[in-house]
């Protein structure tokens, strides 16, 4: 990847990032399902993502900008 491309992508957040697996709506759905009592593994399986991805959303490590 060219340097200019890397610099442009450094500040891209969330679903606008070209490698994003989730959307803002899915992040809200993950949080909603978690509050409803669904397990991390169940949510991850339903969305087709790794459980660590879901855990990071719930921990606030990623997708912090989505309320």
C-alpha atoms as a PDB file:
ATOM      1  CA  UNK A   1       0.000   0.000   0.000  1.00  0.00           C
ATOM      2  CA  UNK A   2       1.364   3.419  -0.906  1.00  0.00           C
ATOM      3  CA  UNK A   3       2.317   5.807   1.871  1.00  0.00           C
ATOM      4  CA  UNK A   4      -0.350   8.332   0.904  1.00  0.00           C
ATOM      5  CA  UNK A   5      -3.021   5.622   1.059  1.00  0.00           C
ATOM      6  CA  UNK A   6      -1.852   4.500   4.492  1.00  0.00           C
ATOM      7  CA  UNK A   7      -1.947   8.045   5.835  1.00  0.00           C
ATOM      8  CA  UNK A   8      -5.445   8.601   4.433  1.00  0.00           C
ATOM      9  CA  UNK A   9      -6.719   5.416   6.114  1.00  0.00           C
ATOM     10  CA  UNK A  10      -5.147   6.192   9.480  1.00  0.00           C
ATOM     11  CA  UNK A  11      -7.985   8.504  10.490  1.00  0.00           C
ATOM     12  CA  UNK A  12     -10.864   6.625   8.907  1.00  0.00           C
ATOM     13  CA  UNK A  13     -13.162   5.200  11.567  1.00  0.00           C
ATOM     14  CA  UNK A  14     -15.844   2.574  11.679  1.00  0.00           C
ATOM     15  CA  UNK A  15     -17.731   1.421   8.630  1.00  0.00           C
ATOM     16  CA  UNK A  16     -15.914   3.935   6.409  1.00  0.00           C
ATOM     17  CA  UNK A  17     -12.695   1.977   6.804  1.00  0.00           C
ATOM     18  CA  UNK A  18     -12.181  -0.350   3.843  1.00  0.00           C
ATOM     19  CA  UNK A  19     -11.410  -3.353   6.085  1.00  0.00           C
ATOM     20  CA  UNK A  20     -14.369  -2.869   8.446  1.00  0.00           C
ATOM     21  CA  UNK A  21     -16.315  -6.049   9.217  1.00  0.00           C
ATOM     22  CA  UNK A  22     -19.139  -4.275  11.023  1.00  0.00           C
ATOM     23  CA  UNK A  23     -21.375  -1.296  10.451  1.00  0.00           C
ATOM     24  CA  UNK A  24     -22.590   1.253  12.986  1.00  0.00           C
ATOM     25  CA  UNK A  25     -26.001  -0.453  12.939  1.00  0.00           C
ATOM     26  CA  UNK A  26     -24.464  -3.879  13.663  1.00  0.00           C
ATOM     27  CA  UNK A  27     -22.466  -2.433  16.560  1.00  0.00           C
ATOM     28  CA  UNK A  28     -25.683  -1.055  18.071  1.00  0.00           C
ATOM     29  CA  UNK A  29     -27.325  -4.458  17.513  1.00  0.00           C
ATOM     30  CA  UNK A  30     -24.423  -6.239  19.252  1.00  0.00           C
ATOM     31  CA  UNK A  31     -24.782  -3.991  22.283  1.00  0.00           C
ATOM     32  CA  UNK A  32     -28.542  -4.405  22.310  1.00  0.00           C
ATOM     33  CA  UNK A  33     -28.357  -8.193  22.130  1.00  0.00           C
ATOM     34  CA  UNK A  34     -25.733  -8.259  24.888  1.00  0.00           C
ATOM     35  CA  UNK A  35     -27.946  -6.149  27.156  1.00  0.00           C
ATOM     36  CA  UNK A  36     -30.772  -8.563  26.334  1.00  0.00           C
ATOM     37  CA  UNK A  37     -28.759 -11.454  27.744  1.00  0.00           C
ATOM     38  CA  UNK A  38     -27.359 -13.069  24.605  1.00  0.00           C
ATOM     39  CA  UNK A  39     -23.852 -14.528  24.865  1.00  0.00           C
ATOM     40  CA  UNK A  40     -20.819 -13.203  23.028  1.00  0.00           C
ATOM     41  CA  UNK A  41     -20.434 -16.485  21.144  1.00  0.00           C
ATOM     42  CA  UNK A  42     -24.071 -16.499  20.068  1.00  0.00           C
ATOM     43  CA  UNK A  43     -23.827 -12.936  18.770  1.00  0.00           C
ATOM     44  CA  UNK A  44     -20.576 -13.665  16.937  1.00  0.00           C
ATOM     45  CA  UNK A  45     -21.968 -16.803  15.316  1.00  0.00           C
ATOM     46  CA  UNK A  46     -25.104 -14.971  14.209  1.00  0.00           C
ATOM     47  CA  UNK A  47     -23.057 -12.176  12.591  1.00  0.00           C
ATOM     48  CA  UNK A  48     -20.337 -14.413  11.184  1.00  0.00           C
ATOM     49  CA  UNK A  49     -17.490 -12.683  13.008  1.00  0.00           C
ATOM     50  CA  UNK A  50     -14.955 -13.826  15.561  1.00  0.00           C
ATOM     51  CA  UNK A  51     -16.016 -13.684  19.207  1.00  0.00           C
ATOM     52  CA  UNK A  52     -13.055 -11.370  19.906  1.00  0.00           C
ATOM     53  CA  UNK A  53     -14.539  -8.804  17.534  1.00  0.00           C
ATOM     54  CA  UNK A  54     -17.770  -8.794  19.543  1.00  0.00           C
ATOM     55  CA  UNK A  55     -15.884  -8.720  22.849  1.00  0.00           C
ATOM     56  CA  UNK A  56     -13.851  -5.679  21.735  1.00  0.00           C
ATOM     57  CA  UNK A  57     -17.038  -3.830  20.811  1.00  0.00           C
ATOM     58  CA  UNK A  58     -18.530  -4.583  24.218  1.00  0.00           C
ATOM     59  CA  UNK A  59     -15.335  -3.718  26.110  1.00  0.00           C
ATOM     60  CA  UNK A  60     -15.086  -0.358  24.356  1.00  0.00           C
ATOM     61  CA  UNK A  61     -11.752  -1.218  22.749  1.00  0.00           C
ATOM     62  CA  UNK A  62     -13.204  -0.651  19.284  1.00  0.00           C
ATOM     63  CA  UNK A  63     -16.177   1.250  17.868  1.00  0.00           C
ATOM     64  CA  UNK A  64     -16.163   3.725  20.774  1.00  0.00           C
ATOM     65  CA  UNK A  65     -17.481   6.471  18.521  1.00  0.00           C
ATOM     66  CA  UNK A  66     -20.811   4.643  18.054  1.00  0.00           C
ATOM     67  CA  UNK A  67     -23.406   5.359  20.716  1.00  0.00           C
END
